[in-house]
Amino acid sequence: MAWGILQYGLFVATAWLYENRSTRSPDPIEQSLTGVLHSQMPDARPRQFLA
């Protein structure tokens, strides 16, 4: 029982850390593609991600 609780806690902590890091530092490839898309569609607004 204790092992299951520990494993669940580790899973939740890892997912939380991954989510925080992914929202703080965007992917350079995604940034370059976003720049290309905005240059093709100047009236497009960037997507707002739920935080």
PDB file of N, CA and C in Angstrom:
ATOM      1  N   MET A   1       0.828  -1.191   0.000  1.00  0.00           N
ATOM      2  CA  MET A   1       0.000   0.000   0.000  1.00  0.00           C
ATOM      3  C   MET A   1       0.876   1.260   0.000  1.00  0.00           C
ATOM      4  N   ALA A   2       1.898   1.251   0.841  1.00  0.00           N
ATOM      5  CA  ALA A   2       2.807   2.404   0.906  1.00  0.00           C
ATOM      6  C   ALA A   2       3.539   2.585  -0.415  1.00  0.00           C
ATOM      7  N   TRP A   3       3.917   1.473  -1.057  1.00  0.00           N
ATOM      8  CA  TRP A   3       4.618   1.547  -2.339  1.00  0.00           C
ATOM      9  C   TRP A   3       3.715   2.194  -3.398  1.00  0.00           C
ATOM     10  N   GLY A   4       2.455   1.853  -3.418  1.00  0.00           N
ATOM     11  CA  GLY A   4       1.510   2.439  -4.371  1.00  0.00           C
ATOM     12  C   GLY A   4       1.328   3.925  -4.152  1.00  0.00           C
ATOM     13  N   ILE A   5       1.229   4.333  -2.906  1.00  0.00           N
ATOM     14  CA  ILE A   5       1.089   5.762  -2.601  1.00  0.00           C
ATOM     15  C   ILE A   5       2.346   6.523  -3.011  1.00  0.00           C
ATOM     16  N   LEU A   6       3.502   5.945  -2.738  1.00  0.00           N
ATOM     17  CA  LEU A   6       4.761   6.580  -3.140  1.00  0.00           C
ATOM     18  C   LEU A   6       4.858   6.695  -4.653  1.00  0.00           C
ATOM     19  N   GLN A   7       4.474   5.645  -5.359  1.00  0.00           N
ATOM     20  CA  GLN A   7       4.527   5.657  -6.815  1.00  0.00           C
ATOM     21  C   GLN A   7       3.562   6.698  -7.386  1.00  0.00           C
ATOM     22  N   TYR A   8       2.371   6.797  -6.827  1.00  0.00           N
ATOM     23  CA  TYR A   8       1.398   7.795  -7.269  1.00  0.00           C
ATOM     24  C   TYR A   8       1.920   9.202  -7.010  1.00  0.00           C
ATOM     25  N   GLY A   9       2.494   9.431  -5.847  1.00  0.00           N
ATOM     26  CA  GLY A   9       3.041  10.744  -5.523  1.00  0.00           C
ATOM     27  C   GLY A   9       4.175  11.132  -6.464  1.00  0.00           C
ATOM     28  N   LEU A  10       5.016  10.178  -6.792  1.00  0.00           N
ATOM     29  CA  LEU A  10       6.110  10.447  -7.723  1.00  0.00           C
ATOM     30  C   LEU A  10       5.576  10.775  -9.114  1.00  0.00           C
ATOM     31  N   PHE A  11       4.546  10.066  -9.528  1.00  0.00           N
ATOM     32  CA  PHE A  11       3.930  10.335 -10.831  1.00  0.00           C
ATOM     33  C   PHE A  11       3.352  11.745 -10.887  1.00  0.00           C
ATOM     34  N   VAL A  12       2.614  12.125  -9.860  1.00  0.00           N
ATOM     35  CA  VAL A  12       1.992  13.457  -9.824  1.00  0.00           C
ATOM     36  C   VAL A  12       3.062  14.547  -9.797  1.00  0.00           C
ATOM     37  N   ALA A  13       4.107  14.352  -8.997  1.00  0.00           N
ATOM     38  CA  ALA A  13       5.182  15.348  -8.914  1.00  0.00           C
ATOM     39  C   ALA A  13       5.904  15.488 -10.249  1.00  0.00           C
ATOM     40  N   THR A  14       6.161  14.378 -10.909  1.00  0.00           N
ATOM     41  CA  THR A  14       6.845  14.415 -12.206  1.00  0.00           C
ATOM     42  C   THR A  14       5.989  15.117 -13.253  1.00  0.00           C
ATOM     43  N   ALA A  15       4.703  14.806 -13.282  1.00  0.00           N
ATOM     44  CA  ALA A  15       3.810  15.459 -14.248  1.00  0.00           C
ATOM     45  C   ALA A  15       3.724  16.954 -13.982  1.00  0.00           C
ATOM     46  N   TRP A  16       3.663  17.342 -12.716  1.00  0.00           N
ATOM     47  CA  TRP A  16       3.587  18.759 -12.361  1.00  0.00           C
ATOM     48  C   TRP A  16       4.860  19.495 -12.775  1.00  0.00           C
ATOM     49  N   LEU A  17       6.015  18.903 -12.489  1.00  0.00           N
ATOM     50  CA  LEU A  17       7.281  19.530 -12.875  1.00  0.00           C
ATOM     51  C   LEU A  17       7.412  19.638 -14.391  1.00  0.00           C
ATOM     52  N   TYR A  18       7.017  18.605 -15.103  1.00  0.00           N
ATOM     53  CA  TYR A  18       7.071  18.624 -16.565  1.00  0.00           C
ATOM     54  C   TYR A  18       6.178  19.732 -17.113  1.00  0.00           C
ATOM     55  N   GLU A  19       4.982  19.846 -16.592  1.00  0.00           N
ATOM     56  CA  GLU A  19       4.052  20.878 -17.055  1.00  0.00           C
ATOM     57  C   GLU A  19       4.598  22.277 -16.786  1.00  0.00           C
ATOM     58  N   ASN A  20       5.153  22.499 -15.611  1.00  0.00           N
ATOM     59  CA  ASN A  20       5.714  23.814 -15.295  1.00  0.00           C
ATOM     60  C   ASN A  20       6.881  24.161 -16.208  1.00  0.00           C
ATOM     61  N   ARG A  21       7.753  23.215 -16.439  1.00  0.00           N
ATOM     62  CA  ARG A  21       8.917  23.479 -17.293  1.00  0.00           C
ATOM     63  C   ARG A  21       8.496  23.717 -18.736  1.00  0.00           C
ATOM     64  N   SER A  22       7.523  22.969 -19.215  1.00  0.00           N
ATOM     65  CA  SER A  22       7.103  23.134 -20.610  1.00  0.00           C
ATOM     66  C   SER A  22       6.415  24.472 -20.846  1.00  0.00           C
ATOM     67  N   THR A  23       5.767  25.033 -19.846  1.00  0.00           N
ATOM     68  CA  THR A  23       5.134  26.333 -20.032  1.00  0.00           C
ATOM     69  C   THR A  23       6.131  27.478 -19.853  1.00  0.00           C
ATOM     70  N   ARG A  24       7.210  27.258 -19.094  1.00  0.00           N
ATOM     71  CA  ARG A  24       8.200  28.320 -18.882  1.00  0.00           C
ATOM     72  C   ARG A  24       9.156  28.462 -20.059  1.00  0.00           C
ATOM     73  N   SER A  25       9.643  27.367 -20.618  1.00  0.00           N
ATOM     74  CA  SER A  25      10.629  27.444 -21.686  1.00  0.00           C
ATOM     75  C   SER A  25      10.081  26.795 -22.952  1.00  0.00           C
ATOM     76  N   PRO A  26       9.623  27.606 -23.904  1.00  0.00           N
ATOM     77  CA  PRO A  26       9.044  27.055 -25.121  1.00  0.00           C
ATOM     78  C   PRO A  26      10.103  26.381 -25.998  1.00  0.00           C
ATOM     79  N   ASP A  27       9.659  25.485 -26.809  1.00  0.00           N
ATOM     80  CA  ASP A  27      10.513  24.739 -27.712  1.00  0.00           C
ATOM     81  C   ASP A  27      11.022  25.663 -28.824  1.00  0.00           C
ATOM     82  N   PRO A  28      12.338  25.678 -29.112  1.00  0.00           N
ATOM     83  CA  PRO A  28      12.859  26.552 -30.174  1.00  0.00           C
ATOM     84  C   PRO A  28      12.270  26.224 -31.545  1.00  0.00           C
ATOM     85  N   ILE A  29      11.991  24.954 -31.812  1.00  0.00           N
ATOM     86  CA  ILE A  29      11.397  24.584 -33.097  1.00  0.00           C
ATOM     87  C   ILE A  29       9.989  25.149 -33.194  1.00  0.00           C
ATOM     88  N   GLU A  30       9.244  25.068 -32.097  1.00  0.00           N
ATOM     89  CA  GLU A  30       7.893  25.621 -32.091  1.00  0.00           C
ATOM     90  C   GLU A  30       7.939  27.132 -32.296  1.00  0.00           C
ATOM     91  N   GLN A  31       8.899  27.805 -31.680  1.00  0.00           N
ATOM     92  CA  GLN A  31       9.019  29.258 -31.851  1.00  0.00           C
ATOM     93  C   GLN A  31       9.311  29.609 -33.305  1.00  0.00           C
ATOM     94  N   SER A  32      10.199  28.841 -33.949  1.00  0.00           N
ATOM     95  CA  SER A  32      10.534  29.150 -35.339  1.00  0.00           C
ATOM     96  C   SER A  32       9.332  28.905 -36.247  1.00  0.00           C
ATOM     97  N   LEU A  33       8.580  27.829 -35.993  1.00  0.00           N
ATOM     98  CA  LEU A  33       7.386  27.568 -36.796  1.00  0.00           C
ATOM     99  C   LEU A  33       6.316  28.619 -36.551  1.00  0.00           C
ATOM    100  N   THR A  34       6.159  29.056 -35.321  1.00  0.00           N
ATOM    101  CA  THR A  34       5.184  30.092 -35.002  1.00  0.00           C
ATOM    102  C   THR A  34       5.548  31.387 -35.723  1.00  0.00           C
ATOM    103  N   GLY A  35       6.842  31.691 -35.775  1.00  0.00           N
ATOM    104  CA  GLY A  35       7.290  32.887 -36.491  1.00  0.00           C
ATOM    105  C   GLY A  35       6.971  32.805 -37.971  1.00  0.00           C
ATOM    106  N   VAL A  36       7.138  31.628 -38.554  1.00  0.00           N
ATOM    107  CA  VAL A  36       6.830  31.432 -39.971  1.00  0.00           C
ATOM    108  C   VAL A  36       5.335  31.594 -40.204  1.00  0.00           C
ATOM    109  N   LEU A  37       4.535  31.004 -39.341  1.00  0.00           N
ATOM    110  CA  LEU A  37       3.089  31.104 -39.504  1.00  0.00           C
ATOM    111  C   LEU A  37       2.605  32.546 -39.361  1.00  0.00           C
ATOM    112  N   HIS A  38       3.174  33.291 -38.424  1.00  0.00           N
ATOM    113  CA  HIS A  38       2.749  34.675 -38.229  1.00  0.00           C
ATOM    114  C   HIS A  38       3.201  35.560 -39.383  1.00  0.00           C
ATOM    115  N   SER A  39       4.307  35.227 -40.013  1.00  0.00           N
ATOM    116  CA  SER A  39       4.732  36.031 -41.154  1.00  0.00           C
ATOM    117  C   SER A  39       3.820  35.769 -42.351  1.00  0.00           C
ATOM    118  N   GLN A  40       3.221  34.577 -42.426  1.00  0.00           N
ATOM    119  CA  GLN A  40       2.303  34.273 -43.520  1.00  0.00           C
ATOM    120  C   GLN A  40       0.911  34.820 -43.248  1.00  0.00           C
ATOM    121  N   MET A  41       0.507  34.887 -41.977  1.00  0.00           N
ATOM    122  CA  MET A  41      -0.811  35.377 -41.592  1.00  0.00           C
ATOM    123  C   MET A  41      -0.631  36.491 -40.562  1.00  0.00           C
ATOM    124  N   PRO A  42      -0.451  37.729 -41.000  1.00  0.00           N
ATOM    125  CA  PRO A  42      -0.146  38.803 -40.054  1.00  0.00           C
ATOM    126  C   PRO A  42      -1.265  39.114 -39.067  1.00  0.00           C
ATOM    127  N   ASP A  43      -2.516  38.769 -39.381  1.00  0.00           N
ATOM    128  CA  ASP A  43      -3.601  39.086 -38.464  1.00  0.00           C
ATOM    129  C   ASP A  43      -3.854  37.978 -37.440  1.00  0.00           C
ATOM    130  N   ALA A  44      -3.080  36.896 -37.507  1.00  0.00           N
ATOM    131  CA  ALA A  44      -3.268  35.785 -36.573  1.00  0.00           C
ATOM    132  C   ALA A  44      -2.720  36.149 -35.195  1.00  0.00           C
ATOM    133  N   ARG A  45      -3.460  35.750 -34.172  1.00  0.00           N
ATOM    134  CA  ARG A  45      -3.012  35.983 -32.807  1.00  0.00           C
ATOM    135  C   ARG A  45      -2.381  34.706 -32.263  1.00  0.00           C
ATOM    136  N   PRO A  46      -1.382  34.823 -31.371  1.00  0.00           N
ATOM    137  CA  PRO A  46      -0.803  33.618 -30.780  1.00  0.00           C
ATOM    138  C   PRO A  46      -1.824  32.905 -29.897  1.00  0.00           C
ATOM    139  N   ARG A  47      -1.684  31.589 -29.809  1.00  0.00           N
ATOM    140  CA  ARG A  47      -2.605  30.808 -28.984  1.00  0.00           C
ATOM    141  C   ARG A  47      -2.359  31.077 -27.513  1.00  0.00           C
ATOM    142  N   GLN A  48      -3.436  31.116 -26.758  1.00  0.00           N
ATOM    143  CA  GLN A  48      -3.333  31.267 -25.318  1.00  0.00           C
ATOM    144  C   GLN A  48      -3.511  29.911 -24.690  1.00  0.00           C
ATOM    145  N   PHE A  49      -2.492  29.448 -23.966  1.00  0.00           N
ATOM    146  CA  PHE A  49      -2.548  28.149 -23.312  1.00  0.00           C
ATOM    147  C   PHE A  49      -3.112  28.308 -21.912  1.00  0.00           C
ATOM    148  N   LEU A  50      -3.867  27.333 -21.491  1.00  0.00           N
ATOM    149  CA  LEU A  50      -4.398  27.349 -20.133  1.00  0.00           C
ATOM    150  C   LEU A  50      -3.280  27.053 -19.165  1.00  0.00           C
ATOM    151  N   ALA A  51      -3.200  27.839 -18.128  1.00  0.00           N
ATOM    152  CA  ALA A  51      -2.128  27.623 -17.152  1.00  0.00           C
ATOM    153  C   ALA A  51      -2.667  27.049 -15.876  1.00  0.00           C
TER     154      ALA A  51
END
